[in-house]
Amino acid sequence: MRYLIKKIIVLILTMFVISLFTFLAFHIIPGDPARLILGTSASEAKLEALRRQLGTDLPLHSQYINWIAGFVRGDFGTSIRYSMPVKDLIGGHVAVTVLLGIMVMIMTLIVSIPLGIFAARKRGTITEQIIEAVTMTGISIPGFFLSILFMWVFGLVLHLFTPGNYVSYRDNPVGFFRFMFFPALAIAVPQIAMLTKYVRTSVLGELDKDYVRTARGKGSTMHRILYGHVLRNAIVAVIPLIGMMIGSIFSGSIIVEQVFGVPGIGRLLIASVTGRDFPLTQTLVMYVAFVIVITNFIVDILIQLIDPRIRISG
């Protein structure tokens, strides 16, 4: 229980620091939200009235307190570019990105874990060397290049989907997943390569330990040792990497969504940054940070529950 309380305190402090840096970053950047809304030809009286309405005429610490208080209540302000509440604007975009992230994680896990185990079992063979070469290639290829390559091969040559013709999950779930498969694959390829390499290394590390030699000496088969003991210990070491991959998936989706024309938060974030839409950008940054921090919090708790060698004090 003490460990859980400490983790919750760290989580709260982390989110506080992220919110503070996010808020300050957009106030250090030159630019007046009131002037962006009304334009350069607006009178000073109108600008002052809008600043009072937006609360940007208050001291910096008061602005931060009001922003955080609104954020906790679910009031994220009004988008400067779209002239509508940020909460209403990001709802559908968040759902698209979350579904994309789930597809990426499913692809990554169902491919990389079995492939990493298989590579470990083929240690010292040509098969292992081929898998190693493929994974290194997958890690090295940038996501935007894979996106362009997939659009050309699967979209323009094989006609498996229509590039830029996004289909909403509300209108056509099958068409949605058919279209989203290729953006998800473009994000998943580097993650699959990285996790495969890490699973292989973890399994090989466990196979060299004394308990494996003892089990072999007692007559246990390699299959039983691998799936009864080795895999569980190896997965414990892999779980933190899976948590960190969430951040990579979100950062990768920003470019991939733009290339494929997917209306997720990545594409919306680029539009908000280029349009200097501070309320929208701040909300999206906080959302991504929140997802990453919560994911790593859950990963830490899972490690404590799964690994019997780790004791939770208190």
Foldseek 3Di string as FASTA:
>chain_A
DVVLVVLVVVLVVVLVVLLVCLLVVLVVDDDDLLCLQVHPPDDPVSSVVVCVVQVVVDDSVVNSVVCVVCVVVVFLDAWSVPRGGLSVVAVLQAVLLVVLLVLLLVVQVVQQQVLLVVLLVQPPDVVVVVLLVQLVVLQPDALLVQLVVCCVPVCVPVNQDDFQPADDCVVPVVNNCSLSVSLSCSLNSNSNSVLNNLLNVQLNVLCPDPVVVVCVVVPDDPVCCCVVPSNLRSVLVSLLVSLVVLLSSVVSCLSSCVRRVPSHVSVVLVVCVVSSRSSNNSVSSSVSVSSSSVSNSVSVVVSQVSDPVDDDDD
